[in-house]
Structure formats: C-alpha cells, structure tokens
Amino acid sequence: MSLRHSVLALGAAIAATAALLGPIAASSSAAATACTVDYSVNDWGSGFTANVKVTNLGTAPVNGWTLGYAYTGNQTLSGTGWNGTWSQSGKTVTVTAPAWATTIPAGGNATAGANFAYSGTNTAPTAFTVNGTPCTGSPSSPSPSPSPSPSPSSSPSPSPSPSPTAPGGAAPALKVSGNTLVTPAGTPYVLHGVNRSGTEYMCVQGYGFFDGPVDAAAIAAIKSWKGVNTVRVPLNEDCWLGKPNVKPEYAGANYRSTIRTWVNDLRTAGLTPIVELHWSRGQYTGNSAGCADLNATCQKPMPGADAVPFWNSVAETFKGDPSVVLDLFNEPYPDRSESSLAQGWLCWRDGQCPGIGYPVSGMQSLVDAVRATGAANVILLGGLAYSNDLGQWLAHKPTDPTGNLGAAWHVYNFNTCSTSACWDATLAPVAARVPLMAGEIGENDCAHGFIDQVMAWLDARRVSYLGWTWNTWNCTTGPALITSYDGTPTAFGAGLRDHLATLG
C-alpha cells in the first residue's frame, strides 16, 4: 500500500499497542488443569525473547486462560509482548489470553512471546500455573502462585512457532511455464489469498514482529476461507539487515528467524508464502514522498542500494524452498519522481533515476542479486504508479536465466487504471505472456462492488489475486478483510470470501 495505507498501518499498530497496555482480564478460577508449558528463549546477552507454548492436555477447553511463572534473577519485561497481555510484578510474570484467542481447546495450544532485559544469569523458570493451577502435565491442586526453581533453558527459539498441519500437505513448489505458474508435475496453479500486514512496520516502530496473532489458530482461520491458498508477507529492509535504528530485539537475526518460522508455518499449512520488500531505505522528499526519513519507515519510490544485500540474504534464506515466491518491491512509483514516463521505466529497470536523491537498485540488479545465490524461486515484479501501471512492463522486463519471472499488479477503486478498458489495454497483454499476480486488490468504501468486477476479469484469464488485508483495521478508512482474527469478515472481506468459495 502507499502512504495513506502506511499511515493506516501505523494507526492500527498504535491502537493494538494501546489495547495490550489496558487492564488485564481477570482469570477464571477453575479446577485442576492438565497442561504443559514449553518455555524457550532467544538470548542476545543483555536481553532475550521469551517464548511460551501452553498445551491443553485435558478433555475440556480452558477458557479465559492466564499463565503465571516467576524468575529468580533480575529479568525485567520490556514492551508489551505479543499473542497475550504480559505484565510483571516483582519477579512474577503473568500472561493473559488475548481477546482473539481466549480459549485453548482440548488438545490445542496457545503461544505467546515477549522481550526482557537482564544482567547476570538468565535462569529459566520451571514451574508454571494456568488459572492458578500448577501446569505439570496432569491435574493437581490449585496453587496461588508459581514456584520457580533454577534450571537452564532447554532449547532457544527466536519467536512463537506454530506448526499447523493442513489437509493436503504443504504448499507446492512452483515454477513458470509460459504465462502460468505450475507445480513440478506441470499442473497449473492459481494463487488466491490475502495479505498479512504488520511485519513491515511493527519491528521498525519498536512494537514487536506481528500485528495480531500468528499461531496455529490464526493460520487455521485464514484457511477457513475456502479457496485461500496464499499469504503475502511484507518485509522491512532495516529490520532484516539489522540496522541500528531498529531495536536489537526486533532486528537482524531475531527478525530473520521470526520471518523464517512464519513463512515455514504458512508453507507447512499448505499456504504459498509470498515474501516481499515493503519498506526500504532511502531519503526521498520529492513528489508523493511518504516521509522524509532515511530509514525504512514508509514506502519509497524505488529500492535503494541496501536492497541488493537484502535480496541476496532473503534469497539465500529461501533458495532451498521453491514453494516460496519472491516479490521484489511492493509499490514502485518512479513515475512521480522522474521527468517522463519513459525515464520512469528506465529508473524501474536500470536504476537510472535522476529525480531520486539516493542510489537506486533497479529491478534488473535485484533479479541478479537473487539469482547470484542460486535461488530459482519465482520472482514477481510490480510496475509503476504503485504497481498499478504495467503498460511498459513487457518492454522493460529484466533478463532472467531461469525464466521464472512474473508480473505483480495492484488495483484499488481509487487507482488510475481501475476500469476494464484499461485492464484490456495494458494488463491483458502482460497476462498473455507471463504469470500475473494481482498482489493487492481492494476498495476504500468497505464494500465489494469494485473487487467483484476485478475478480471476474481476473478469473476469466486465470490470473492470481490477493485481498488487502487480513488485519482488523477499520475498513471504512481503508481495505480490511476481517473484524476478528477468527476470520469474521468485514462487508468488504465477505465479498472476497464468498467469491473464492464459488471457485471450487
């Protein structure tokens, strides 16, 4: 999304943080609970990420769960945590269920995480309670508080690690055949799904990794929309590369490991992950500037010099998994910075951008950076005008030794190319030559009349498309598909959900 949607995302993140800072819900007092707690850390010396996984071993659901444990050292909660409301009183830590996942079903689990600071020894707790009851693997008598005993942490983990198992197996490997994505068996594969915003802005704004839950229940909710087989994962360049403007707990190896886990969980659940560079570095104050900041805190007109090491690293991470699709840059808009449309397309492909005040990495250099690693993953390239203009895409298509290139297109009811006449003239020729992915479709009226037209046009040409966005934002101020992370749709989201259900 462009600046308007970046501001919307920031507002949503602030609202989510405010909610987490609100009063802790009262835990229900219950009989003994059969459960286990897996505790692991990612420790960087002066701080660590604590990850907890509560598994309900009983035959009845645990409602309104609250986890308790205590440290023996000076571990101090930093920030608000995720997938639960975290608080600390003295050495005792409490995690209360988030509003979107108050119940742990029989045989199910809940995961949560938070960051802590410490000095000295970081000894792990070994005694936990759920709703005041010791969580030891079998029912026992209630206990008013956890009783810690020193024990080293067993296995470090960078982030919550849901591992859902989906009917039908993992997402398939993909490659390009003509104008179609196909599986290794040569079967055509059309991508339909959603964007999952948050990983592009939460880290750089200092709130965490995700805006909303990413556990097994969250993935199952996405899959509950019949026909959804794809999730687009936006990335932040500064967070991935570990730039100093990002809190260390959300940057570098911590961020990369978290994204790798999230992508793997999606793939394992049968959902094709599309990883894309959403926010990047480069100081731009020209026409349509999203911000004046050098850092990756908003949408920039083109990727800068750091995009080459970024994509080299991302490609190294995922080159062994051809089910992961790489989307090189969210929404280029060099048409706003350059003196002519022709110059804009040269900027796009070759990085020749006199109107942009920082070194630009053109699309050819990014394709080369990916392929230099040996990665043969499918690559998607968005066009000009925030990926809405593909008019000269074919004429400026970068060279690719693997032939695994496709085009990315974004369309909203407020875009210039938002009519079937424009799609017929500029989009159809591209779709006839290479795989086309409508990576974002949406409208700003919380209705679905516009995307109904878009989906009908795309379906007729077997073109892939994804709705923006699987986040609980106010859809009257921007496209949001859901009102709850259990998959309850907005009026706009209902249009996408119901249409996909008809495709079989």
Protein backbone atom coordinates (compact mmCIF):
# COMPACT_ATOMS: atom_id res chain seq x y z
CA MET A 1 0.00 0.00 0.00
CA SER A 2 1.03 3.64 -0.48
CA LEU A 3 1.44 6.42 2.11
CA ARG A 4 -2.25 6.54 3.04
CA HIS A 5 -2.17 2.88 3.94
CA SER A 6 1.19 3.22 5.72
CA VAL A 7 -0.40 5.79 7.98
CA LEU A 8 -3.35 3.44 8.50
CA ALA A 9 -0.96 0.66 9.46
CA LEU A 10 0.78 2.92 11.95
CA GLY A 11 -2.54 3.84 13.50
CA ALA A 12 -3.51 0.19 13.75
CA ALA A 13 -0.21 -0.66 15.41
CA ILE A 14 -0.62 2.12 17.95
CA ALA A 15 -4.18 1.02 18.67
CA ALA A 16 -3.07 -2.57 19.11
CA THR A 17 -0.34 -1.49 21.49
CA ALA A 18 -2.76 0.61 23.48
CA ALA A 19 -5.07 -2.39 23.80
CA LEU A 20 -2.23 -4.51 25.12
CA LEU A 21 -1.44 -1.88 27.73
CA GLY A 22 -5.01 -1.89 29.01
CA PRO A 23 -6.29 -3.65 32.14
CA ILE A 24 -5.56 -7.33 32.47
CA ALA A 25 -8.63 -9.52 32.20
CA ALA A 26 -9.49 -11.42 35.35
CA SER A 27 -8.51 -15.07 35.07
CA SER A 28 -11.12 -17.65 35.81
CA SER A 29 -10.57 -19.82 38.85
CA ALA A 30 -11.03 -23.40 37.81
CA ALA A 31 -10.40 -26.93 38.88
CA ALA A 32 -7.06 -28.52 38.23
CA THR A 33 -5.91 -28.25 34.61
CA ALA A 34 -3.97 -30.89 32.70
CA CYS A 35 -1.43 -28.93 30.70
CA THR A 36 2.20 -28.43 29.83
CA VAL A 37 4.22 -25.27 29.19
CA ASP A 38 7.16 -25.20 26.81
CA TYR A 39 9.49 -22.29 27.59
CA SER A 40 12.37 -21.22 25.33
CA VAL A 41 14.48 -18.11 24.80
CA ASN A 42 16.49 -16.28 22.20
CA ASP A 43 19.22 -14.60 24.29
CA TRP A 44 21.49 -11.82 22.99
CA GLY A 45 23.40 -11.10 26.22
CA SER A 46 21.66 -8.04 27.67
CA GLY A 47 18.17 -9.20 26.83
CA PHE A 48 16.15 -12.06 25.46
CA THR A 49 12.89 -13.08 23.84
CA ALA A 50 10.84 -15.45 25.99
CA ASN A 51 8.53 -17.80 24.10
CA VAL A 52 5.86 -19.83 25.87
CA LYS A 53 3.58 -22.53 24.49
CA VAL A 54 0.70 -23.72 26.67
CA THR A 55 -0.75 -27.09 25.63
CA ASN A 56 -4.11 -28.25 26.99
CA LEU A 57 -3.85 -31.98 27.69
CA GLY A 58 -7.35 -32.19 29.12
CA THR A 59 -10.63 -33.24 27.53
CA ALA A 60 -12.34 -29.86 28.00
CA PRO A 61 -11.36 -26.40 26.74
CA VAL A 62 -9.56 -23.95 29.03
CA ASN A 63 -11.46 -20.67 28.94
CA GLY A 64 -10.09 -17.27 29.84
CA TRP A 65 -6.59 -18.64 30.41
CA THR A 66 -3.90 -16.86 32.41
CA LEU A 67 -0.35 -18.18 32.60
CA GLY A 68 1.87 -17.44 35.60
CA TYR A 69 5.53 -18.04 36.35
CA ALA A 70 8.45 -16.33 38.12
CA TYR A 71 12.13 -15.61 37.55
CA THR A 72 14.93 -15.95 40.11
CA GLY A 73 17.12 -13.21 38.62
CA ASN A 74 16.56 -9.60 37.59
CA GLN A 75 14.76 -10.32 34.30
CA THR A 76 12.54 -7.31 33.52
CA LEU A 77 9.73 -7.17 30.98
CA SER A 78 10.43 -4.82 28.06
CA GLY A 79 7.48 -3.64 25.98
CA THR A 80 4.09 -5.28 25.67
CA GLY A 81 4.75 -8.72 24.20
CA TRP A 82 2.53 -10.44 21.66
CA ASN A 83 -0.26 -13.01 21.48
CA GLY A 84 -1.26 -12.12 25.06
CA THR A 85 -1.27 -9.36 27.67
CA TRP A 86 2.04 -9.54 29.54
CA SER A 87 2.67 -7.98 32.96
CA GLN A 88 5.22 -8.32 35.74
CA SER A 89 5.02 -7.75 39.49
CA GLY A 90 8.37 -8.22 41.19
CA LYS A 91 9.72 -11.47 39.80
CA THR A 92 6.30 -12.87 38.88
CA VAL A 93 5.18 -12.74 35.25
CA THR A 94 1.56 -13.07 34.11
CA VAL A 95 0.31 -13.63 30.57
CA THR A 96 -3.42 -13.23 29.98
CA ALA A 97 -5.20 -14.55 26.88
CA PRO A 98 -5.62 -12.04 24.04
CA ALA A 99 -9.14 -11.03 23.06
CA TRP A 100 -8.95 -13.00 19.80
CA ALA A 101 -7.91 -16.31 21.43
CA THR A 102 -9.41 -16.60 24.91
CA THR A 103 -9.88 -20.39 24.75
CA ILE A 104 -7.38 -23.23 24.46
CA PRO A 105 -9.33 -26.16 23.04
CA ALA A 106 -8.82 -29.70 24.28
CA GLY A 107 -5.62 -30.95 22.71
CA GLY A 108 -4.82 -27.46 21.45
CA ASN A 109 -2.21 -24.90 22.40
CA ALA A 110 -1.58 -21.18 22.70
CA THR A 111 1.72 -19.43 22.04
CA ALA A 112 2.91 -16.03 23.23
CA GLY A 113 6.14 -14.12 23.47
CA ALA A 114 7.74 -11.02 24.96
CA ASN A 115 11.12 -9.37 25.33
CA PHE A 116 13.00 -8.96 28.60
CA ALA A 117 16.16 -7.17 29.73
CA TYR A 118 18.54 -8.68 32.29
CA SER A 119 22.07 -8.75 33.63
CA GLY A 120 23.96 -11.61 35.23
CA THR A 121 22.44 -15.05 34.90
CA ASN A 122 19.32 -15.71 32.82
CA THR A 123 17.93 -18.77 34.61
CA ALA A 124 14.75 -20.22 33.13
CA PRO A 125 11.63 -20.88 35.23
CA THR A 126 10.47 -24.48 35.52
CA ALA A 127 7.19 -24.05 37.44
CA PHE A 128 4.12 -22.63 35.71
CA THR A 129 0.44 -22.20 36.54
CA VAL A 130 -2.60 -21.83 34.32
CA ASN A 131 -5.51 -20.11 36.04
CA GLY A 132 -3.75 -20.67 39.37
CA THR A 133 -3.24 -24.39 38.86
CA PRO A 134 0.22 -25.95 38.52
CA CYS A 135 0.78 -26.91 34.90
CA THR A 136 2.65 -30.20 35.26
CA GLY A 137 1.11 -32.45 32.64
CA SER A 138 -1.67 -33.84 34.83
CA PRO A 139 -4.41 -32.40 37.06
CA SER A 140 -3.33 -31.24 40.52
CA SER A 141 -4.44 -28.93 43.29
CA PRO A 142 -4.69 -25.19 42.62
CA SER A 143 -1.72 -23.07 43.66
CA PRO A 144 -1.89 -19.32 44.27
CA SER A 145 1.39 -18.56 42.54
CA PRO A 146 4.18 -20.25 40.60
CA SER A 147 7.19 -21.63 42.46
CA PRO A 148 10.31 -21.14 40.36
CA SER A 149 13.34 -23.36 40.61
CA PRO A 150 16.61 -22.71 38.79
CA SER A 151 17.12 -24.59 35.55
CA PRO A 152 18.85 -23.62 32.33
CA SER A 153 16.67 -23.05 29.26
CA SER A 154 16.48 -26.13 27.14
CA SER A 155 16.17 -25.03 23.52
CA PRO A 156 16.35 -21.47 22.19
CA SER A 157 13.67 -20.29 19.78
CA PRO A 158 13.50 -16.86 18.10
CA SER A 159 9.74 -16.47 18.03
CA PRO A 160 6.40 -18.18 18.60
CA SER A 161 6.45 -21.27 16.40
CA PRO A 162 3.03 -22.53 15.43
CA SER A 163 3.20 -25.74 13.44
CA PRO A 164 -0.22 -26.42 11.99
CA THR A 165 -0.77 -29.45 9.82
CA ALA A 166 -3.03 -28.87 6.86
CA PRO A 167 -5.07 -31.39 4.91
CA GLY A 168 -3.45 -31.86 1.53
CA GLY A 169 0.09 -31.28 2.76
CA ALA A 170 2.49 -28.39 2.33
CA ALA A 171 2.35 -25.69 -0.32
CA PRO A 172 3.66 -26.95 -3.68
CA ALA A 173 6.90 -25.98 -5.35
CA LEU A 174 6.20 -23.54 -8.19
CA LYS A 175 7.82 -22.53 -11.46
CA VAL A 176 6.86 -20.57 -14.55
CA SER A 177 5.59 -22.27 -17.69
CA GLY A 178 4.62 -19.75 -20.35
CA ASN A 179 2.10 -17.41 -18.70
CA THR A 180 1.21 -19.85 -15.93
CA LEU A 181 2.52 -20.95 -12.57
CA VAL A 182 2.77 -24.74 -12.44
CA THR A 183 3.67 -27.43 -9.92
CA PRO A 184 6.56 -29.86 -10.58
CA ALA A 185 4.04 -32.17 -12.26
CA GLY A 186 3.14 -29.37 -14.68
CA THR A 187 -0.28 -28.73 -13.14
CA PRO A 188 -1.40 -25.07 -13.41
CA TYR A 189 -1.65 -23.40 -10.00
CA VAL A 190 -3.61 -20.18 -9.42
CA LEU A 191 -2.87 -18.24 -6.24
CA HIS A 192 -5.79 -16.83 -4.26
CA GLY A 193 -5.42 -15.39 -0.81
CA VAL A 194 -4.70 -12.48 1.47
CA ASN A 195 -2.02 -10.05 2.59
CA ARG A 196 -1.00 -10.18 6.26
CA SER A 197 0.31 -6.75 7.18
CA GLY A 198 2.42 -5.98 10.25
CA THR A 199 5.86 -7.47 9.65
CA GLU A 200 6.80 -4.39 7.61
CA TYR A 201 6.14 -1.80 10.34
CA MET A 202 5.85 -3.34 13.82
CA CYS A 203 9.60 -4.01 14.10
CA VAL A 204 10.83 -0.61 12.93
CA GLN A 205 8.28 1.16 15.14
CA GLY A 206 9.51 -0.80 18.15
CA TYR A 207 6.34 -2.81 18.89
CA GLY A 208 7.41 -6.35 18.01
CA PHE A 209 7.19 -8.55 14.93
CA PHE A 210 3.47 -9.05 14.24
CA ASP A 211 0.28 -7.02 14.36
CA GLY A 212 -2.05 -9.73 15.66
CA PRO A 213 -1.70 -13.47 16.27
CA VAL A 214 0.34 -15.88 14.16
CA ASP A 215 -0.33 -19.13 15.99
CA ALA A 216 -1.95 -22.29 14.65
CA ALA A 217 -5.44 -20.91 15.30
CA ALA A 218 -4.62 -17.76 13.32
CA ILE A 219 -3.44 -19.81 10.35
CA ALA A 220 -6.48 -22.09 10.60
CA ALA A 221 -8.71 -19.01 10.49
CA ILE A 222 -7.13 -17.91 7.22
CA LYS A 223 -7.59 -21.38 5.80
CA SER A 224 -11.22 -21.41 6.92
CA TRP A 225 -11.94 -19.16 3.94
CA LYS A 226 -12.45 -21.78 1.26
CA GLY A 227 -10.14 -21.27 -1.71
CA VAL A 228 -7.41 -19.33 0.12
CA ASN A 229 -4.04 -20.90 -0.65
CA THR A 230 -1.64 -17.93 -0.40
CA VAL A 231 -0.44 -15.36 2.15
CA ARG A 232 1.73 -12.38 1.25
CA VAL A 233 4.35 -11.49 3.88
CA PRO A 234 5.66 -7.88 3.76
CA LEU A 235 9.22 -7.31 4.98
CA ASN A 236 11.19 -4.36 6.32
CA GLU A 237 14.68 -3.87 4.92
CA ASP A 238 16.14 -2.25 8.08
CA CYS A 239 14.77 -4.99 10.32
CA TRP A 240 16.05 -7.80 8.10
CA LEU A 241 19.54 -6.27 7.78
CA GLY A 242 19.72 -5.28 11.45
CA LYS A 243 20.16 -1.54 11.03
CA PRO A 244 20.91 0.48 14.21
CA ASN A 245 17.64 2.42 14.03
CA VAL A 246 15.74 -0.80 14.91
CA LYS A 247 15.63 -2.17 18.46
CA PRO A 248 18.05 -5.12 18.51
CA GLU A 249 15.40 -7.49 19.82
CA TYR A 250 13.41 -6.93 16.61
CA ALA A 251 16.33 -6.72 14.18
CA GLY A 252 18.85 -8.83 12.33
CA ALA A 253 18.98 -12.49 13.28
CA ASN A 254 15.93 -12.17 15.55
CA TYR A 255 13.79 -10.72 12.75
CA ARG A 256 15.11 -13.14 10.13
CA SER A 257 14.47 -16.16 12.32
CA THR A 258 10.97 -14.97 13.13
CA ILE A 259 10.13 -14.43 9.47
CA ARG A 260 11.64 -17.78 8.52
CA THR A 261 9.48 -19.52 11.13
CA TRP A 262 6.32 -17.68 9.98
CA VAL A 263 6.99 -18.49 6.32
CA ASN A 264 7.65 -22.14 7.14
CA ASP A 265 4.46 -22.38 9.20
CA LEU A 266 2.45 -20.98 6.29
CA ARG A 267 4.09 -23.34 3.83
CA THR A 268 3.56 -26.34 6.10
CA ALA A 269 -0.11 -25.40 6.39
CA GLY A 270 -0.47 -25.53 2.61
CA LEU A 271 -0.37 -21.76 2.09
CA THR A 272 2.03 -20.39 -0.54
CA PRO A 273 4.16 -17.67 1.11
CA ILE A 274 4.97 -14.58 -0.96
CA VAL A 275 7.75 -12.60 0.73
CA GLU A 276 8.13 -9.04 -0.46
CA LEU A 277 10.14 -5.90 0.26
CA HIS A 278 7.59 -3.40 1.54
CA TRP A 279 9.55 -0.65 3.34
CA SER A 280 13.13 0.20 2.35
CA ARG A 281 15.89 2.73 3.00
CA GLY A 282 16.49 5.91 1.02
CA GLN A 283 15.90 9.60 1.79
CA TYR A 284 13.32 10.99 -0.62
CA THR A 285 11.45 14.28 -0.26
CA GLY A 286 10.16 14.68 -3.81
CA ASN A 287 6.71 14.30 -5.30
CA SER A 288 4.43 11.92 -3.34
CA ALA A 289 7.06 11.37 -0.62
CA GLY A 290 5.74 9.15 2.15
CA CYS A 291 8.21 10.50 4.71
CA ALA A 292 11.48 12.44 4.83
CA ASP A 293 13.22 9.71 6.80
CA LEU A 294 16.30 7.91 5.50
CA ASN A 295 15.24 4.79 7.36
CA ALA A 296 12.76 2.14 6.20
CA THR A 297 9.77 3.79 7.89
CA CYS A 298 7.49 4.30 4.89
CA GLN A 299 7.02 3.47 1.23
CA LYS A 300 9.82 4.84 -1.01
CA PRO A 301 9.57 5.35 -4.78
CA MET A 302 12.26 2.74 -5.51
CA PRO A 303 14.50 0.37 -3.54
CA GLY A 304 17.87 1.84 -2.57
CA ALA A 305 21.40 0.44 -2.51
CA ASP A 306 20.70 -1.78 0.50
CA ALA A 307 18.07 -3.71 -1.46
CA VAL A 308 20.82 -5.72 -3.17
CA PRO A 309 22.27 -7.20 0.07
CA PHE A 310 18.71 -7.52 1.37
CA TRP A 311 17.60 -9.67 -1.56
CA ASN A 312 20.86 -11.58 -1.60
CA SER A 313 20.20 -12.53 2.04
CA VAL A 314 16.49 -13.29 1.56
CA ALA A 315 17.27 -15.44 -1.47
CA GLU A 316 19.94 -17.33 0.48
CA THR A 317 17.35 -17.96 3.18
CA PHE A 318 14.67 -19.38 0.90
CA LYS A 319 16.55 -20.71 -2.12
CA GLY A 320 16.08 -24.29 -0.97
CA ASP A 321 12.29 -23.93 -0.95
CA PRO A 322 10.72 -23.31 -4.38
CA SER A 323 7.28 -23.02 -2.78
CA VAL A 324 8.28 -19.53 -1.56
CA VAL A 325 7.60 -16.74 -4.08
CA LEU A 326 9.72 -13.56 -4.03
CA ASP A 327 8.05 -10.17 -4.71
CA LEU A 328 10.93 -7.72 -5.21
CA PHE A 329 9.34 -4.37 -4.29
CA ASN A 330 5.89 -3.52 -3.08
CA GLU A 331 4.77 -0.42 -5.00
CA PRO A 332 7.34 1.42 -7.13
CA TYR A 333 6.38 4.95 -8.14
CA PRO A 334 9.33 6.44 -10.08
CA ASP A 335 6.75 7.91 -12.47
CA ARG A 336 6.21 10.53 -9.73
CA SER A 337 9.91 11.40 -9.41
CA GLU A 338 11.18 11.33 -12.98
CA SER A 339 10.73 13.83 -15.80
CA SER A 340 8.84 11.47 -18.10
CA LEU A 341 7.14 8.11 -18.15
CA ALA A 342 9.95 6.75 -20.35
CA GLN A 343 12.53 7.86 -17.76
CA GLY A 344 10.40 6.31 -15.04
CA TRP A 345 10.63 2.89 -16.71
CA LEU A 346 14.41 3.25 -17.15
CA CYS A 347 14.62 4.06 -13.47
CA TRP A 348 12.50 0.99 -12.72
CA ARG A 349 14.60 -1.47 -14.67
CA ASP A 350 18.11 0.03 -14.64
CA GLY A 351 18.21 2.30 -11.59
CA GLN A 352 18.74 5.42 -13.75
CA CYS A 353 16.78 7.80 -11.53
CA PRO A 354 17.95 11.45 -11.61
CA GLY A 355 14.78 12.52 -9.80
CA ILE A 356 15.50 10.36 -6.72
CA GLY A 357 18.14 11.66 -4.33
CA TYR A 358 19.63 8.31 -3.27
CA PRO A 359 21.33 5.44 -5.16
CA VAL A 360 18.61 3.23 -6.62
CA SER A 361 18.65 -0.50 -7.22
CA GLY A 362 16.79 -1.22 -10.44
CA MET A 363 14.79 -4.38 -10.93
CA GLN A 364 17.49 -5.96 -13.07
CA SER A 365 20.04 -5.61 -10.27
CA LEU A 366 17.61 -7.19 -7.80
CA VAL A 367 16.89 -10.12 -10.11
CA ASP A 368 20.64 -10.57 -10.48
CA ALA A 369 21.10 -10.45 -6.68
CA VAL A 370 18.57 -13.24 -6.21
CA ARG A 371 19.90 -15.44 -8.98
CA ALA A 372 23.52 -14.97 -7.84
CA THR A 373 22.68 -17.10 -4.80
CA GLY A 374 21.50 -19.99 -6.94
CA ALA A 375 17.87 -19.36 -5.98
CA ALA A 376 15.45 -20.31 -8.75
CA ASN A 377 12.31 -19.22 -6.87
CA VAL A 378 9.56 -17.50 -8.84
CA ILE A 379 10.11 -13.71 -8.80
CA LEU A 380 7.33 -11.13 -9.12
CA LEU A 381 7.90 -7.55 -10.30
CA GLY A 382 5.40 -4.74 -9.74
CA GLY A 383 5.18 -1.94 -12.30
CA LEU A 384 4.94 1.84 -11.97
CA ALA A 385 2.26 4.00 -10.28
CA TYR A 386 2.30 1.93 -7.09
CA SER A 387 2.29 -1.27 -9.20
CA ASN A 388 -0.92 -0.16 -10.95
CA ASP A 389 0.74 0.60 -14.32
CA LEU A 390 2.04 -2.36 -16.33
CA GLY A 391 1.84 -0.56 -19.67
CA GLN A 392 5.56 -0.91 -20.49
CA TRP A 393 6.34 -3.88 -18.27
CA LEU A 394 6.97 -6.30 -21.14
CA ALA A 395 9.22 -3.81 -22.95
CA HIS A 396 11.34 -3.37 -19.81
CA LYS A 397 11.20 -6.91 -18.46
CA PRO A 398 14.55 -7.78 -16.84
CA THR A 399 16.51 -10.74 -18.12
CA ASP A 400 16.40 -13.89 -16.00
CA PRO A 401 18.46 -17.02 -16.70
CA THR A 402 15.83 -19.25 -15.05
CA GLY A 403 12.81 -17.81 -16.87
CA ASN A 404 10.92 -17.70 -13.57
CA LEU A 405 9.64 -14.13 -13.72
CA GLY A 406 6.07 -12.92 -13.28
CA ALA A 407 4.37 -9.54 -13.07
CA ALA A 408 2.76 -8.05 -9.97
CA TRP A 409 -0.18 -5.65 -10.18
CA HIS A 410 -2.12 -3.71 -7.55
CA VAL A 411 -5.57 -2.26 -8.05
CA TYR A 412 -7.95 -0.22 -5.91
CA ASN A 413 -11.04 1.72 -6.84
CA PHE A 414 -9.07 4.98 -6.49
CA ASN A 415 -6.24 3.96 -8.88
CA THR A 416 -5.84 5.40 -12.38
CA CYS A 417 -6.12 2.01 -14.07
CA SER A 418 -9.35 0.89 -12.43
CA THR A 419 -11.58 0.13 -15.43
CA SER A 420 -11.94 -2.94 -17.60
CA ALA A 421 -10.99 -0.81 -20.62
CA CYS A 422 -7.62 -0.04 -19.03
CA TRP A 423 -7.16 -3.66 -17.98
CA ASP A 424 -7.90 -4.85 -21.51
CA ALA A 425 -5.40 -2.39 -22.98
CA THR A 426 -2.47 -2.66 -20.53
CA LEU A 427 -2.96 -5.74 -18.39
CA ALA A 428 -4.22 -8.39 -20.80
CA PRO A 429 -1.06 -8.33 -22.98
CA VAL A 430 1.09 -8.94 -19.90
CA ALA A 431 -1.16 -11.74 -18.64
CA ALA A 432 -0.90 -13.38 -22.06
CA ARG A 433 2.90 -13.57 -21.82
CA VAL A 434 3.87 -14.12 -18.18
CA PRO A 435 2.17 -15.18 -14.96
CA LEU A 436 0.33 -12.23 -13.45
CA MET A 437 -0.37 -11.77 -9.74
CA ALA A 438 -2.75 -9.09 -8.53
CA GLY A 439 -0.90 -8.83 -5.24
CA GLU A 440 -3.34 -6.33 -3.74
CA ILE A 441 -6.97 -5.76 -4.64
CA GLY A 442 -9.30 -3.59 -2.61
CA GLU A 443 -11.57 -0.60 -2.24
CA ASN A 444 -11.91 2.14 0.34
CA ASP A 445 -15.69 2.04 0.91
CA CYS A 446 -15.94 -1.19 2.97
CA ALA A 447 -17.99 -2.70 0.16
CA HIS A 448 -17.04 -5.18 -2.55
CA GLY A 449 -18.68 -3.92 -5.72
CA PHE A 450 -15.35 -2.89 -7.22
CA ILE A 451 -13.41 -6.05 -6.37
CA ASP A 452 -16.33 -8.09 -7.71
CA GLN A 453 -15.57 -6.58 -11.12
CA VAL A 454 -11.82 -7.10 -10.67
CA MET A 455 -12.17 -10.75 -9.67
CA ALA A 456 -14.50 -11.51 -12.57
CA TRP A 457 -11.99 -10.03 -15.02
CA LEU A 458 -9.07 -11.89 -13.46
CA ASP A 459 -10.94 -15.20 -13.18
CA ALA A 460 -11.70 -15.15 -16.89
CA ARG A 461 -7.94 -15.11 -17.54
CA ARG A 462 -6.97 -17.44 -14.67
CA VAL A 463 -4.96 -14.67 -13.02
CA SER A 464 -3.97 -14.92 -9.35
CA TYR A 465 -5.09 -12.32 -6.79
CA LEU A 466 -4.88 -11.46 -3.09
CA GLY A 467 -7.06 -9.22 -0.94
CA TRP A 468 -5.62 -6.41 1.19
CA THR A 469 -5.52 -7.03 4.13
CA TRP A 470 -6.02 -9.74 6.81
CA ASN A 471 -5.91 -7.21 9.66
CA THR A 472 -8.61 -5.94 11.99
CA TRP A 473 -8.46 -2.32 10.90
CA ASN A 474 -11.41 -0.03 10.31
CA CYS A 475 -12.43 -0.84 6.75
CA THR A 476 -14.27 2.50 6.38
CA THR A 477 -10.86 4.19 6.28
CA GLY A 478 -9.04 1.56 4.24
CA PRO A 479 -9.41 -2.00 2.99
CA ALA A 480 -9.51 -4.53 5.84
CA LEU A 481 -10.85 -8.04 5.32
CA ILE A 482 -11.71 -9.04 8.89
CA THR A 483 -13.13 -7.74 12.15
CA SER A 484 -11.61 -10.56 14.21
CA TYR A 485 -8.64 -12.88 13.77
CA ASP A 486 -11.03 -15.80 13.93
CA GLY A 487 -11.85 -14.94 10.30
CA THR A 488 -15.07 -12.94 10.80
CA PRO A 489 -15.19 -10.80 7.64
CA THR A 490 -15.96 -7.15 7.15
CA ALA A 491 -18.51 -6.38 4.44
CA PHE A 492 -15.56 -5.91 2.09
CA GLY A 493 -13.96 -9.17 3.22
CA ALA A 494 -17.22 -11.05 2.78
CA GLY A 495 -17.06 -10.20 -0.91
CA LEU A 496 -13.68 -11.86 -1.30
CA ARG A 497 -14.51 -14.80 0.96
CA ASP A 498 -17.82 -15.62 -0.71
CA HIS A 499 -16.41 -15.24 -4.20
CA LEU A 500 -13.47 -17.58 -3.55
CA ALA A 501 -15.88 -20.15 -2.14
CA THR A 502 -17.61 -20.31 -5.53
CA LEU A 503 -14.44 -21.18 -7.43
CA GLY A 504 -14.28 -24.75 -6.16
